[in-house]
Amino acid sequence: MRINGVTFIESEVAKLSLDEFVAQNIDVFWKDISRERRKSRLVSVYNRIINNSNLGGGGD
């Protein structure tokens, strides 16, 4: 999934907890915005990927 110029691999994101995902990426992407906004954006990215993912689930 590509979001704001960054490609995230959904299967890899799904292996991480939210805290792990944020910790691994907060100092890597979007350095031109405040740390607080980066964290907010990363939380949104994580939730979007996890909520759209059928990995490990039965789906509809």
PDB file of N, CA and C in Angstrom:
ATOM      1  N   MET A   1       0.852  -1.166   0.000  1.00  0.00           N
ATOM      2  CA  MET A   1       0.000   0.000   0.000  1.00  0.00           C
ATOM      3  C   MET A   1       0.901   1.233   0.000  1.00  0.00           C
ATOM      4  N   ARG A   2       0.639   2.140  -0.897  1.00  0.00           N
ATOM      5  CA  ARG A   2       1.433   3.370  -1.000  1.00  0.00           C
ATOM      6  C   ARG A   2       0.634   4.520  -0.393  1.00  0.00           C
ATOM      7  N   ILE A   3       1.253   5.181   0.578  1.00  0.00           N
ATOM      8  CA  ILE A   3       0.591   6.281   1.284  1.00  0.00           C
ATOM      9  C   ILE A   3       1.576   7.434   1.422  1.00  0.00           C
ATOM     10  N   ASN A   4       1.190   8.598   0.939  1.00  0.00           N
ATOM     11  CA  ASN A   4       2.018   9.804   1.029  1.00  0.00           C
ATOM     12  C   ASN A   4       3.457   9.553   0.578  1.00  0.00           C
ATOM     13  N   GLY A   5       3.597   8.862  -0.540  1.00  0.00           N
ATOM     14  CA  GLY A   5       4.904   8.641  -1.120  1.00  0.00           C
ATOM     15  C   GLY A   5       5.718   7.513  -0.509  1.00  0.00           C
ATOM     16  N   VAL A   6       5.145   6.781   0.424  1.00  0.00           N
ATOM     17  CA  VAL A   6       5.843   5.673   1.078  1.00  0.00           C
ATOM     18  C   VAL A   6       5.075   4.389   0.824  1.00  0.00           C
ATOM     19  N   THR A   7       5.790   3.340   0.413  1.00  0.00           N
ATOM     20  CA  THR A   7       5.167   2.043   0.195  1.00  0.00           C
ATOM     21  C   THR A   7       5.334   1.184   1.441  1.00  0.00           C
ATOM     22  N   PHE A   8       4.231   0.707   1.964  1.00  0.00           N
ATOM     23  CA  PHE A   8       4.225  -0.187   3.117  1.00  0.00           C
ATOM     24  C   PHE A   8       3.792  -1.572   2.639  1.00  0.00           C
ATOM     25  N   ILE A   9       4.517  -2.596   3.065  1.00  0.00           N
ATOM     26  CA  ILE A   9       4.196  -3.976   2.716  1.00  0.00           C
ATOM     27  C   ILE A   9       3.215  -4.489   3.768  1.00  0.00           C
ATOM     28  N   GLU A  10       1.976  -4.695   3.358  1.00  0.00           N
ATOM     29  CA  GLU A  10       0.916  -5.030   4.304  1.00  0.00           C
ATOM     30  C   GLU A  10       1.222  -6.264   5.142  1.00  0.00           C
ATOM     31  N   SER A  11       1.771  -7.298   4.503  1.00  0.00           N
ATOM     32  CA  SER A  11       2.055  -8.534   5.237  1.00  0.00           C
ATOM     33  C   SER A  11       3.112  -8.316   6.321  1.00  0.00           C
ATOM     34  N   GLU A  12       4.045  -7.396   6.082  1.00  0.00           N
ATOM     35  CA  GLU A  12       5.073  -7.093   7.085  1.00  0.00           C
ATOM     36  C   GLU A  12       4.508  -6.226   8.204  1.00  0.00           C
ATOM     37  N   VAL A  13       3.664  -5.270   7.852  1.00  0.00           N
ATOM     38  CA  VAL A  13       3.029  -4.417   8.858  1.00  0.00           C
ATOM     39  C   VAL A  13       2.170  -5.264   9.786  1.00  0.00           C
ATOM     40  N   ALA A  14       1.470  -6.241   9.235  1.00  0.00           N
ATOM     41  CA  ALA A  14       0.571  -7.091  10.020  1.00  0.00           C
ATOM     42  C   ALA A  14       1.316  -7.925  11.055  1.00  0.00           C
ATOM     43  N   LYS A  15       2.600  -8.120  10.882  1.00  0.00           N
ATOM     44  CA  LYS A  15       3.406  -8.898  11.837  1.00  0.00           C
ATOM     45  C   LYS A  15       3.760  -8.090  13.085  1.00  0.00           C
ATOM     46  N   LEU A  16       3.573  -6.787  13.028  1.00  0.00           N
ATOM     47  CA  LEU A  16       3.984  -5.893  14.106  1.00  0.00           C
ATOM     48  C   LEU A  16       2.811  -5.410  14.930  1.00  0.00           C
ATOM     49  N   SER A  17       3.081  -5.088  16.190  1.00  0.00           N
ATOM     50  CA  SER A  17       2.093  -4.377  16.989  1.00  0.00           C
ATOM     51  C   SER A  17       2.128  -2.918  16.562  1.00  0.00           C
ATOM     52  N   LEU A  18       1.142  -2.171  16.950  1.00  0.00           N
ATOM     53  CA  LEU A  18       1.110  -0.739  16.634  1.00  0.00           C
ATOM     54  C   LEU A  18       2.352  -0.042  17.188  1.00  0.00           C
ATOM     55  N   ASP A  19       2.692  -0.323  18.426  1.00  0.00           N
ATOM     56  CA  ASP A  19       3.856   0.321  19.044  1.00  0.00           C
ATOM     57  C   ASP A  19       5.146  -0.024  18.309  1.00  0.00           C
ATOM     58  N   GLU A  20       5.296  -1.272  17.897  1.00  0.00           N
ATOM     59  CA  GLU A  20       6.486  -1.681  17.144  1.00  0.00           C
ATOM     60  C   GLU A  20       6.558  -0.958  15.804  1.00  0.00           C
ATOM     61  N   PHE A  21       5.421  -0.890  15.119  1.00  0.00           N
ATOM     62  CA  PHE A  21       5.362  -0.230  13.814  1.00  0.00           C
ATOM     63  C   PHE A  21       5.761   1.238  13.927  1.00  0.00           C
ATOM     64  N   VAL A  22       5.187   1.929  14.893  1.00  0.00           N
ATOM     65  CA  VAL A  22       5.494   3.348  15.073  1.00  0.00           C
ATOM     66  C   VAL A  22       6.969   3.520  15.440  1.00  0.00           C
ATOM     67  N   ALA A  23       7.461   2.726  16.377  1.00  0.00           N
ATOM     68  CA  ALA A  23       8.856   2.851  16.818  1.00  0.00           C
ATOM     69  C   ALA A  23       9.833   2.625  15.665  1.00  0.00           C
ATOM     70  N   GLN A  24       9.530   1.681  14.794  1.00  0.00           N
ATOM     71  CA  GLN A  24      10.426   1.370  13.683  1.00  0.00           C
ATOM     72  C   GLN A  24      10.408   2.429  12.583  1.00  0.00           C
ATOM     73  N   ASN A  25       9.336   3.198  12.501  1.00  0.00           N
ATOM     74  CA  ASN A  25       9.179   4.109  11.365  1.00  0.00           C
ATOM     75  C   ASN A  25       9.162   5.594  11.698  1.00  0.00           C
ATOM     76  N   ILE A  26       9.031   5.958  12.948  1.00  0.00           N
ATOM     77  CA  ILE A  26       8.841   7.367  13.312  1.00  0.00           C
ATOM     78  C   ILE A  26      10.015   8.260  12.905  1.00  0.00           C
ATOM     79  N   ASP A  27      11.217   7.724  12.929  1.00  0.00           N
ATOM     80  CA  ASP A  27      12.378   8.532  12.572  1.00  0.00           C
ATOM     81  C   ASP A  27      12.867   8.270  11.154  1.00  0.00           C
ATOM     82  N   VAL A  28      12.035   7.582  10.365  1.00  0.00           N
ATOM     83  CA  VAL A  28      12.431   7.223   9.006  1.00  0.00           C
ATOM     84  C   VAL A  28      11.677   8.041   7.959  1.00  0.00           C
ATOM     85  N   PHE A  29      10.373   8.147   8.109  1.00  0.00           N
ATOM     86  CA  PHE A  29       9.529   8.772   7.092  1.00  0.00           C
ATOM     87  C   PHE A  29       9.016  10.143   7.528  1.00  0.00           C
ATOM     88  N   TRP A  30       8.748  10.975   6.542  1.00  0.00           N
ATOM     89  CA  TRP A  30       8.085  12.267   6.725  1.00  0.00           C
ATOM     90  C   TRP A  30       8.795  13.155   7.748  1.00  0.00           C
ATOM     91  N   LYS A  31      10.106  13.248   7.633  1.00  0.00           N
ATOM     92  CA  LYS A  31      10.890  14.041   8.579  1.00  0.00           C
ATOM     93  C   LYS A  31      10.619  15.537   8.465  1.00  0.00           C
ATOM     94  N   ASP A  32       9.898  15.925   7.420  1.00  0.00           N
ATOM     95  CA  ASP A  32       9.593  17.341   7.228  1.00  0.00           C
ATOM     96  C   ASP A  32       8.389  17.801   8.051  1.00  0.00           C
ATOM     97  N   ILE A  33       7.749  16.889   8.789  1.00  0.00           N
ATOM     98  CA  ILE A  33       6.634  17.272   9.658  1.00  0.00           C
ATOM     99  C   ILE A  33       7.003  16.931  11.103  1.00  0.00           C
ATOM    100  N   SER A  34       6.265  17.487  12.040  1.00  0.00           N
ATOM    101  CA  SER A  34       6.583  17.288  13.454  1.00  0.00           C
ATOM    102  C   SER A  34       6.464  15.817  13.843  1.00  0.00           C
ATOM    103  N   ARG A  35       7.188  15.453  14.875  1.00  0.00           N
ATOM    104  CA  ARG A  35       7.170  14.079  15.375  1.00  0.00           C
ATOM    105  C   ARG A  35       5.741  13.661  15.757  1.00  0.00           C
ATOM    106  N   GLU A  36       5.009  14.569  16.359  1.00  0.00           N
ATOM    107  CA  GLU A  36       3.628  14.294  16.761  1.00  0.00           C
ATOM    108  C   GLU A  36       2.752  13.971  15.539  1.00  0.00           C
ATOM    109  N   ARG A  37       2.906  14.746  14.476  1.00  0.00           N
ATOM    110  CA  ARG A  37       2.131  14.496  13.248  1.00  0.00           C
ATOM    111  C   ARG A  37       2.567  13.208  12.573  1.00  0.00           C
ATOM    112  N   ARG A  38       3.889  12.917  12.610  1.00  0.00           N
ATOM    113  CA  ARG A  38       4.373  11.647  12.042  1.00  0.00           C
ATOM    114  C   ARG A  38       3.755  10.476  12.783  1.00  0.00           C
ATOM    115  N   LYS A  39       3.723  10.562  14.104  1.00  0.00           N
ATOM    116  CA  LYS A  39       3.134   9.478  14.896  1.00  0.00           C
ATOM    117  C   LYS A  39       1.661   9.308  14.538  1.00  0.00           C
ATOM    118  N   SER A  40       0.944  10.397  14.451  1.00  0.00           N
ATOM    119  CA  SER A  40      -0.470  10.344  14.096  1.00  0.00           C
ATOM    120  C   SER A  40      -0.669   9.713  12.718  1.00  0.00           C
ATOM    121  N   ARG A  41       0.170  10.103  11.778  1.00  0.00           N
ATOM    122  CA  ARG A  41       0.078   9.559  10.423  1.00  0.00           C
ATOM    123  C   ARG A  41       0.389   8.061  10.421  1.00  0.00           C
ATOM    124  N   LEU A  42       1.416   7.661  11.168  1.00  0.00           N
ATOM    125  CA  LEU A  42       1.776   6.243  11.228  1.00  0.00           C
ATOM    126  C   LEU A  42       0.680   5.409  11.876  1.00  0.00           C
ATOM    127  N   VAL A  43       0.051   5.936  12.912  1.00  0.00           N
ATOM    128  CA  VAL A  43      -1.067   5.226  13.543  1.00  0.00           C
ATOM    129  C   VAL A  43      -2.194   5.049  12.534  1.00  0.00           C
ATOM    130  N   SER A  44      -2.483   6.081  11.767  1.00  0.00           N
ATOM    131  CA  SER A  44      -3.526   5.989  10.742  1.00  0.00           C
ATOM    132  C   SER A  44      -3.173   4.966   9.669  1.00  0.00           C
ATOM    133  N   VAL A  45      -1.923   4.972   9.237  1.00  0.00           N
ATOM    134  CA  VAL A  45      -1.462   4.010   8.237  1.00  0.00           C
ATOM    135  C   VAL A  45      -1.620   2.590   8.776  1.00  0.00           C
ATOM    136  N   TYR A  46      -1.150   2.368   9.984  1.00  0.00           N
ATOM    137  CA  TYR A  46      -1.220   1.039  10.602  1.00  0.00           C
ATOM    138  C   TYR A  46      -2.685   0.570  10.676  1.00  0.00           C
ATOM    139  N   ASN A  47      -3.543   1.421  11.210  1.00  0.00           N
ATOM    140  CA  ASN A  47      -4.956   1.043  11.350  1.00  0.00           C
ATOM    141  C   ASN A  47      -5.601   0.766   9.994  1.00  0.00           C
ATOM    142  N   ARG A  48      -5.267   1.565   9.007  1.00  0.00           N
ATOM    143  CA  ARG A  48      -5.824   1.360   7.668  1.00  0.00           C
ATOM    144  C   ARG A  48      -5.388   0.009   7.094  1.00  0.00           C
ATOM    145  N   ILE A  49      -4.113  -0.311   7.257  1.00  0.00           N
ATOM    146  CA  ILE A  49      -3.599  -1.580   6.739  1.00  0.00           C
ATOM    147  C   ILE A  49      -4.211  -2.761   7.497  1.00  0.00           C
ATOM    148  N   ILE A  50      -4.226  -2.685   8.814  1.00  0.00           N
ATOM    149  CA  ILE A  50      -4.747  -3.790   9.619  1.00  0.00           C
ATOM    150  C   ILE A  50      -6.250  -3.977   9.381  1.00  0.00           C
ATOM    151  N   ASN A  51      -6.982  -2.902   9.299  1.00  0.00           N
ATOM    152  CA  ASN A  51      -8.434  -2.997   9.090  1.00  0.00           C
ATOM    153  C   ASN A  51      -8.784  -3.483   7.688  1.00  0.00           C
ATOM    154  N   ASN A  52      -7.924  -3.233   6.721  1.00  0.00           N
ATOM    155  CA  ASN A  52      -8.181  -3.669   5.346  1.00  0.00           C
ATOM    156  C   ASN A  52      -7.621  -5.038   5.059  1.00  0.00           C
ATOM    157  N   SER A  53      -6.909  -5.585   6.026  1.00  0.00           N
ATOM    158  CA  SER A  53      -6.210  -6.844   5.836  1.00  0.00           C
ATOM    159  C   SER A  53      -7.086  -8.025   6.234  1.00  0.00           C
ATOM    160  N   ASN A  54      -7.024  -9.076   5.443  1.00  0.00           N
ATOM    161  CA  ASN A  54      -7.690 -10.321   5.789  1.00  0.00           C
ATOM    162  C   ASN A  54      -6.666 -11.349   6.248  1.00  0.00           C
ATOM    163  N   LEU A  55      -5.444 -10.911   6.494  1.00  0.00           N
ATOM    164  CA  LEU A  55      -4.381 -11.828   6.881  1.00  0.00           C
ATOM    165  C   LEU A  55      -4.747 -12.485   8.210  1.00  0.00           C
ATOM    166  N   GLY A  56      -4.705 -13.793   8.209  1.00  0.00           N
ATOM    167  CA  GLY A  56      -4.967 -14.541   9.431  1.00  0.00           C
ATOM    168  C   GLY A  56      -6.438 -14.648   9.784  1.00  0.00           C
ATOM    169  N   GLY A  57      -7.302 -14.086   8.968  1.00  0.00           N
ATOM    170  CA  GLY A  57      -8.724 -14.124   9.268  1.00  0.00           C
ATOM    171  C   GLY A  57      -9.500 -14.808   8.174  1.00  0.00           C
ATOM    172  N   GLY A  58     -10.729 -15.102   8.462  1.00  0.00           N
ATOM    173  CA  GLY A  58     -11.564 -15.799   7.508  1.00  0.00           C
ATOM    174  C   GLY A  58     -12.153 -14.920   6.441  1.00  0.00           C
ATOM    175  N   GLY A  59     -12.248 -13.630   6.728  1.00  0.00           N
ATOM    176  CA  GLY A  59     -12.845 -12.734   5.748  1.00  0.00           C
ATOM    177  C   GLY A  59     -14.339 -12.918   5.647  1.00  0.00           C
ATOM    178  N   ASP A  60     -14.921 -12.357   4.588  1.00  0.00           N
ATOM    179  CA  ASP A  60     -16.388 -12.453   4.401  1.00  0.00           C
ATOM    180  C   ASP A  60     -16.764 -13.653   3.616  1.00  0.00           C
TER     181      ASP A  60
END
